[in-house]
Structures are given as C-alpha cells and as structure tokens.
Amino acid sequence: MPLATASQTIGPYWHLIEDKSWADLTRFGAEGEKITLTGRVLDGDGMPCADACVEIWQSDPPASGMFPGFGRSVADGNGAYRFTTLKPGPVAGRGNTQQAPHIAICILSRGLMKGLVTRAYFQDERLNETDPLLTSLEDPARRATLIAKPEGPGIWRLDIRLQGDGETVFLEV
C-alpha cells in the first residue's frame, strides 16, 4: 500500500515565478492575436494575495516551439498578475460539444494545500451561451466570476476571489 505524502502547492519551483519571461507566452515568437490577461487575486476579505502564484494553460492555439501554452506569474503587492498570450479559439468538448474560448488558471498560495483551478472566458463570445461548463452554472452571478472583461484594446481582466462574497467558481480536477 503506498504511503500518503504531504501536498506541496508549488514545490521546488518557486524560483520560476521570479523570471518574468514565464508570464509572456509569446516570448518565442508566437504569432496571432496578442492579448494581455490581467487581474488581482483577493482573499475572503477582499485583500490582495501578494504571495500567490498564478499559472495558465491553453489548448488553443496548440503548444509548439513558438508557443508553450503554459505560463506562470507572481502576484505583486496588490495581488495583481499579468500575462501576455494569444487569444484562444474554441476547442472540442465531450461528444459533439464545443467549448467557448477560454484559458485555464491555477492559483497556488500560502495556506492552500492544493492549487485552485478555474477558467477565464471572454465577455461577449458567442459560444459562451452554449459552453458546457458555463451553462452548468445556473446562477448568473457565479457564472460571471469566470468572465474576463475588456479593459482596453487587447487587454482582458479577471479578478479572482478565493472565498467569501463573489467567490470565483473553482473546478474539481
């Protein structure tokens, strides 16, 4: 019988968030519609989580030598994170469904025994109305916690609330 081991939220890789280039998924010359995904990580009292690590993954565009599909950013003193990436397109879901364009997000931070996983969808995307995950959330206020809003040309904002009023929807993985 295997022994249970302690969960480590980020293990020996904390130093990778000190390298700001990890937050730029276009750093190897990826071409496409460049966007900035930014926001703040907030605790249950609405205070910034200045020690959070934010990771993102994208399945579209597909990972390649020019586009890693994965990035990591440290939240600053105001809880702010920032990524430069390519705007994703729709991806296949289970069966014949199609998922709306989105970016998967994982939050790692002190006090979390396991990373919290969520998604950033984009406001006014046509496929949001039929996305399997979004449509499974009956409460419009809960669904709204997954929708990034435009802040300017190519800039999208998604604040992440770890608990309390306006808590972001987190997924079981």
C-alpha atoms as a PDB file:
ATOM      1  CA  MET A   1       0.000   0.000   0.000  1.00  0.00           C
ATOM      2  CA  PRO A   2       1.518   3.383  -0.996  1.00  0.00           C
ATOM      3  CA  LEU A   3       2.110   5.905   1.744  1.00  0.00           C
ATOM      4  CA  ALA A   4       0.339   9.250   1.612  1.00  0.00           C
ATOM      5  CA  THR A   5       2.651  12.210   1.200  1.00  0.00           C
ATOM      6  CA  ALA A   6       2.118  15.847   2.010  1.00  0.00           C
ATOM      7  CA  SER A   7       0.770  18.007  -0.784  1.00  0.00           C
ATOM      8  CA  GLN A   8       3.070  20.783  -1.948  1.00  0.00           C
ATOM      9  CA  THR A   9       1.454  23.628  -3.795  1.00  0.00           C
ATOM     10  CA  ILE A  10       4.495  24.704  -5.758  1.00  0.00           C
ATOM     11  CA  GLY A  11       7.346  22.520  -4.559  1.00  0.00           C
ATOM     12  CA  PRO A  12      10.881  23.415  -5.545  1.00  0.00           C
ATOM     13  CA  TYR A  13       9.778  25.562  -8.485  1.00  0.00           C
ATOM     14  CA  TRP A  14       9.013  28.852  -6.733  1.00  0.00           C
ATOM     15  CA  HIS A  15      12.083  30.427  -8.364  1.00  0.00           C
ATOM     16  CA  LEU A  16      10.384  30.175 -11.767  1.00  0.00           C
ATOM     17  CA  ILE A  17       7.986  32.982 -10.900  1.00  0.00           C
ATOM     18  CA  GLU A  18      10.925  35.313 -10.368  1.00  0.00           C
ATOM     19  CA  ASP A  19      11.671  35.024 -14.098  1.00  0.00           C
ATOM     20  CA  LYS A  20       9.111  37.423 -15.581  1.00  0.00           C
ATOM     21  CA  SER A  21       9.561  35.942 -19.065  1.00  0.00           C
ATOM     22  CA  TRP A  22       7.426  32.963 -17.962  1.00  0.00           C
ATOM     23  CA  ALA A  23       4.417  35.304 -17.992  1.00  0.00           C
ATOM     24  CA  ASP A  24       4.902  36.020 -21.724  1.00  0.00           C
ATOM     25  CA  LEU A  25       3.680  33.050 -23.743  1.00  0.00           C
ATOM     26  CA  THR A  26       4.638  34.890 -26.962  1.00  0.00           C
ATOM     27  CA  ARG A  27       8.321  35.229 -25.989  1.00  0.00           C
ATOM     28  CA  PHE A  28       9.466  32.633 -28.538  1.00  0.00           C
ATOM     29  CA  GLY A  29       7.908  34.469 -31.482  1.00  0.00           C
ATOM     30  CA  ALA A  30       4.347  33.113 -31.457  1.00  0.00           C
ATOM     31  CA  GLU A  31       2.114  34.814 -33.973  1.00  0.00           C
ATOM     32  CA  GLY A  32      -1.564  35.538 -33.638  1.00  0.00           C
ATOM     33  CA  GLU A  33      -3.849  37.933 -31.781  1.00  0.00           C
ATOM     34  CA  LYS A  34      -1.781  39.026 -28.776  1.00  0.00           C
ATOM     35  CA  ILE A  35      -3.721  39.779 -25.623  1.00  0.00           C
ATOM     36  CA  THR A  36      -2.965  40.671 -22.033  1.00  0.00           C
ATOM     37  CA  LEU A  37      -4.769  38.745 -19.306  1.00  0.00           C
ATOM     38  CA  THR A  38      -4.569  40.582 -16.018  1.00  0.00           C
ATOM     39  CA  GLY A  39      -6.383  40.793 -12.717  1.00  0.00           C
ATOM     40  CA  ARG A  40      -5.970  40.523  -8.977  1.00  0.00           C
ATOM     41  CA  VAL A  41      -6.021  37.575  -6.591  1.00  0.00           C
ATOM     42  CA  LEU A  42      -8.038  38.524  -3.496  1.00  0.00           C
ATOM     43  CA  ASP A  43      -8.706  36.721  -0.220  1.00  0.00           C
ATOM     44  CA  GLY A  44     -12.073  36.349   1.510  1.00  0.00           C
ATOM     45  CA  ASP A  45     -11.874  39.885   2.925  1.00  0.00           C
ATOM     46  CA  GLY A  46     -11.097  41.393  -0.471  1.00  0.00           C
ATOM     47  CA  MET A  47      -7.453  41.922   0.459  1.00  0.00           C
ATOM     48  CA  PRO A  48      -4.693  41.209  -2.091  1.00  0.00           C
ATOM     49  CA  CYS A  49      -2.868  37.877  -2.001  1.00  0.00           C
ATOM     50  CA  ALA A  50       0.627  39.197  -2.587  1.00  0.00           C
ATOM     51  CA  ASP A  51       2.278  35.779  -2.425  1.00  0.00           C
ATOM     52  CA  ALA A  52       0.110  33.961  -4.971  1.00  0.00           C
ATOM     53  CA  CYS A  53       1.481  32.172  -7.998  1.00  0.00           C
ATOM     54  CA  VAL A  54      -0.865  32.215 -10.990  1.00  0.00           C
ATOM     55  CA  GLU A  55      -0.423  29.629 -13.738  1.00  0.00           C
ATOM     56  CA  ILE A  56      -2.264  29.498 -17.054  1.00  0.00           C
ATOM     57  CA  TRP A  57      -2.676  26.800 -19.690  1.00  0.00           C
ATOM     58  CA  GLN A  58      -4.205  26.990 -23.128  1.00  0.00           C
ATOM     59  CA  SER A  59      -5.106  24.212 -25.537  1.00  0.00           C
ATOM     60  CA  ASP A  60      -5.636  26.731 -28.338  1.00  0.00           C
ATOM     61  CA  PRO A  61      -3.507  27.675 -30.071  1.00  0.00           C
ATOM     62  CA  PRO A  62      -1.761  24.306 -29.715  1.00  0.00           C
ATOM     63  CA  ALA A  63       1.562  24.316 -27.865  1.00  0.00           C
ATOM     64  CA  SER A  64       4.596  24.467 -30.149  1.00  0.00           C
ATOM     65  CA  GLY A  65       8.211  25.570 -30.152  1.00  0.00           C
ATOM     66  CA  MET A  66       6.974  29.152 -30.574  1.00  0.00           C
ATOM     67  CA  PHE A  67       4.046  28.953 -28.148  1.00  0.00           C
ATOM     68  CA  PRO A  68       4.458  26.974 -24.892  1.00  0.00           C
ATOM     69  CA  GLY A  69       0.754  27.069 -23.972  1.00  0.00           C
ATOM     70  CA  PHE A  70       1.758  27.461 -20.304  1.00  0.00           C
ATOM     71  CA  GLY A  71       2.781  30.484 -18.252  1.00  0.00           C
ATOM     72  CA  ARG A  72       3.441  31.461 -14.664  1.00  0.00           C
ATOM     73  CA  SER A  73       3.218  34.851 -12.940  1.00  0.00           C
ATOM     74  CA  VAL A  74       3.686  36.040  -9.390  1.00  0.00           C
ATOM     75  CA  ALA A  75       1.038  38.289  -7.851  1.00  0.00           C
ATOM     76  CA  ASP A  76       2.580  41.603  -6.812  1.00  0.00           C
ATOM     77  CA  GLY A  77       1.957  43.515  -3.569  1.00  0.00           C
ATOM     78  CA  ASN A  78      -1.523  44.461  -4.809  1.00  0.00           C
ATOM     79  CA  GLY A  79      -2.338  40.860  -5.728  1.00  0.00           C
ATOM     80  CA  ALA A  80      -2.018  41.733  -9.439  1.00  0.00           C
ATOM     81  CA  TYR A  81      -0.953  39.207 -12.071  1.00  0.00           C
ATOM     82  CA  ARG A  82      -0.322  39.790 -15.771  1.00  0.00           C
ATOM     83  CA  PHE A  83       0.198  37.546 -18.800  1.00  0.00           C
ATOM     84  CA  THR A  84       0.897  38.196 -22.461  1.00  0.00           C
ATOM     85  CA  THR A  85      -0.528  35.407 -24.590  1.00  0.00           C
ATOM     86  CA  LEU A  86      -2.507  34.675 -27.747  1.00  0.00           C
ATOM     87  CA  LYS A  87      -6.293  34.850 -27.713  1.00  0.00           C
ATOM     88  CA  PRO A  88      -7.591  31.298 -27.726  1.00  0.00           C
ATOM     89  CA  GLY A  89     -10.220  29.967 -30.080  1.00  0.00           C
ATOM     90  CA  PRO A  90     -12.910  27.373 -29.376  1.00  0.00           C
ATOM     91  CA  VAL A  91     -11.874  23.816 -28.504  1.00  0.00           C
ATOM     92  CA  ALA A  92     -13.628  20.478 -28.763  1.00  0.00           C
ATOM     93  CA  GLY A  93     -15.533  19.275 -25.729  1.00  0.00           C
ATOM     94  CA  ARG A  94     -17.045  15.915 -24.852  1.00  0.00           C
ATOM     95  CA  GLY A  95     -19.174  14.342 -27.530  1.00  0.00           C
ATOM     96  CA  ASN A  96     -20.046  16.854 -30.204  1.00  0.00           C
ATOM     97  CA  THR A  97     -19.878  19.892 -27.929  1.00  0.00           C
ATOM     98  CA  GLN A  98     -17.638  22.861 -28.466  1.00  0.00           C
ATOM     99  CA  GLN A  99     -16.122  24.815 -25.589  1.00  0.00           C
ATOM    100  CA  ALA A 100     -16.011  28.594 -25.767  1.00  0.00           C
ATOM    101  CA  PRO A 101     -12.550  30.182 -25.983  1.00  0.00           C
ATOM    102  CA  HIS A 102     -11.006  30.133 -22.512  1.00  0.00           C
ATOM    103  CA  ILE A 103      -7.779  29.981 -20.540  1.00  0.00           C
ATOM    104  CA  ALA A 104      -7.332  27.531 -17.644  1.00  0.00           C
ATOM    105  CA  ILE A 105      -5.960  29.111 -14.457  1.00  0.00           C
ATOM    106  CA  CYS A 106      -4.427  27.608 -11.317  1.00  0.00           C
ATOM    107  CA  ILE A 107      -3.792  29.598  -8.134  1.00  0.00           C
ATOM    108  CA  LEU A 108      -1.073  28.444  -5.733  1.00  0.00           C
ATOM    109  CA  SER A 109      -0.540  30.305  -2.482  1.00  0.00           C
ATOM    110  CA  ARG A 110       0.340  30.038   1.170  1.00  0.00           C
ATOM    111  CA  GLY A 111      -2.432  28.299   3.065  1.00  0.00           C
ATOM    112  CA  LEU A 112      -3.682  26.340   0.049  1.00  0.00           C
ATOM    113  CA  MET A 113      -2.932  22.646   0.336  1.00  0.00           C
ATOM    114  CA  LYS A 114      -3.936  22.145  -3.277  1.00  0.00           C
ATOM    115  CA  GLY A 115      -3.970  24.547  -6.214  1.00  0.00           C
ATOM    116  CA  LEU A 116      -7.316  26.131  -7.063  1.00  0.00           C
ATOM    117  CA  VAL A 117      -8.319  25.690 -10.704  1.00  0.00           C
ATOM    118  CA  THR A 118     -10.671  27.968 -12.604  1.00  0.00           C
ATOM    119  CA  ARG A 119     -11.110  29.386 -16.103  1.00  0.00           C
ATOM    120  CA  ALA A 120     -11.140  32.754 -17.818  1.00  0.00           C
ATOM    121  CA  TYR A 121     -13.772  33.041 -20.541  1.00  0.00           C
ATOM    122  CA  PHE A 122     -14.119  36.197 -22.639  1.00  0.00           C
ATOM    123  CA  GLN A 123     -17.103  38.533 -22.409  1.00  0.00           C
ATOM    124  CA  ASP A 124     -19.411  38.580 -25.443  1.00  0.00           C
ATOM    125  CA  GLU A 125     -18.050  35.375 -27.015  1.00  0.00           C
ATOM    126  CA  ARG A 126     -20.859  33.755 -28.994  1.00  0.00           C
ATOM    127  CA  LEU A 127     -20.032  30.258 -27.696  1.00  0.00           C
ATOM    128  CA  ASN A 128     -20.335  31.330 -24.040  1.00  0.00           C
ATOM    129  CA  GLU A 129     -24.098  30.749 -24.396  1.00  0.00           C
ATOM    130  CA  THR A 130     -23.599  27.044 -25.168  1.00  0.00           C
ATOM    131  CA  ASP A 131     -20.312  26.236 -23.386  1.00  0.00           C
ATOM    132  CA  PRO A 132     -20.862  23.055 -21.304  1.00  0.00           C
ATOM    133  CA  LEU A 133     -19.186  24.423 -18.167  1.00  0.00           C
ATOM    134  CA  LEU A 134     -20.753  27.875 -18.261  1.00  0.00           C
ATOM    135  CA  THR A 135     -24.232  26.516 -18.935  1.00  0.00           C
ATOM    136  CA  SER A 136     -23.881  24.109 -15.979  1.00  0.00           C
ATOM    137  CA  LEU A 137     -23.771  27.141 -13.647  1.00  0.00           C
ATOM    138  CA  GLU A 138     -27.381  28.185 -13.090  1.00  0.00           C
ATOM    139  CA  ASP A 139     -26.625  31.295 -11.009  1.00  0.00           C
ATOM    140  CA  PRO A 140     -25.657  34.195 -13.331  1.00  0.00           C
ATOM    141  CA  ALA A 141     -23.586  35.787 -10.539  1.00  0.00           C
ATOM    142  CA  ARG A 142     -21.489  32.614 -10.175  1.00  0.00           C
ATOM    143  CA  ARG A 143     -21.101  32.307 -13.956  1.00  0.00           C
ATOM    144  CA  ALA A 144     -19.917  35.935 -14.094  1.00  0.00           C
ATOM    145  CA  THR A 145     -16.910  35.083 -11.880  1.00  0.00           C
ATOM    146  CA  LEU A 146     -15.436  33.237 -14.872  1.00  0.00           C
ATOM    147  CA  ILE A 147     -15.889  36.009 -17.443  1.00  0.00           C
ATOM    148  CA  ALA A 148     -12.916  38.247 -18.254  1.00  0.00           C
ATOM    149  CA  LYS A 149     -13.952  41.748 -19.244  1.00  0.00           C
ATOM    150  CA  PRO A 150     -12.197  44.036 -21.722  1.00  0.00           C
ATOM    151  CA  GLU A 151     -10.205  46.913 -20.232  1.00  0.00           C
ATOM    152  CA  GLY A 152      -8.891  48.298 -23.485  1.00  0.00           C
ATOM    153  CA  PRO A 153      -7.708  47.023 -26.864  1.00  0.00           C
ATOM    154  CA  GLY A 154      -6.344  43.505 -26.310  1.00  0.00           C
ATOM    155  CA  ILE A 155      -6.499  43.761 -22.503  1.00  0.00           C
ATOM    156  CA  TRP A 156      -8.743  41.393 -20.523  1.00  0.00           C
ATOM    157  CA  ARG A 157      -9.317  41.481 -16.767  1.00  0.00           C
ATOM    158  CA  LEU A 158     -10.371  38.662 -14.463  1.00  0.00           C
ATOM    159  CA  ASP A 159     -10.163  39.213 -10.711  1.00  0.00           C
ATOM    160  CA  ILE A 160     -10.074  36.008  -8.681  1.00  0.00           C
ATOM    161  CA  ARG A 161     -11.706  35.908  -5.240  1.00  0.00           C
ATOM    162  CA  LEU A 162     -10.539  32.918  -3.177  1.00  0.00           C
ATOM    163  CA  GLN A 163     -13.558  32.831  -0.839  1.00  0.00           C
ATOM    164  CA  GLY A 164     -16.398  34.916   0.564  1.00  0.00           C
ATOM    165  CA  ASP A 165     -18.762  37.233  -1.302  1.00  0.00           C
ATOM    166  CA  GLY A 166     -18.180  36.970  -5.039  1.00  0.00           C
ATOM    167  CA  GLU A 167     -16.005  33.848  -4.657  1.00  0.00           C
ATOM    168  CA  THR A 168     -14.716  32.648  -8.014  1.00  0.00           C
ATOM    169  CA  VAL A 169     -16.015  29.320  -9.258  1.00  0.00           C
ATOM    170  CA  PHE A 170     -13.292  26.693  -8.798  1.00  0.00           C
ATOM    171  CA  LEU A 171     -13.253  23.331 -10.532  1.00  0.00           C
ATOM    172  CA  GLU A 172     -12.558  19.865  -9.165  1.00  0.00           C
ATOM    173  CA  VAL A 173      -9.692  18.238 -11.002  1.00  0.00           C
END
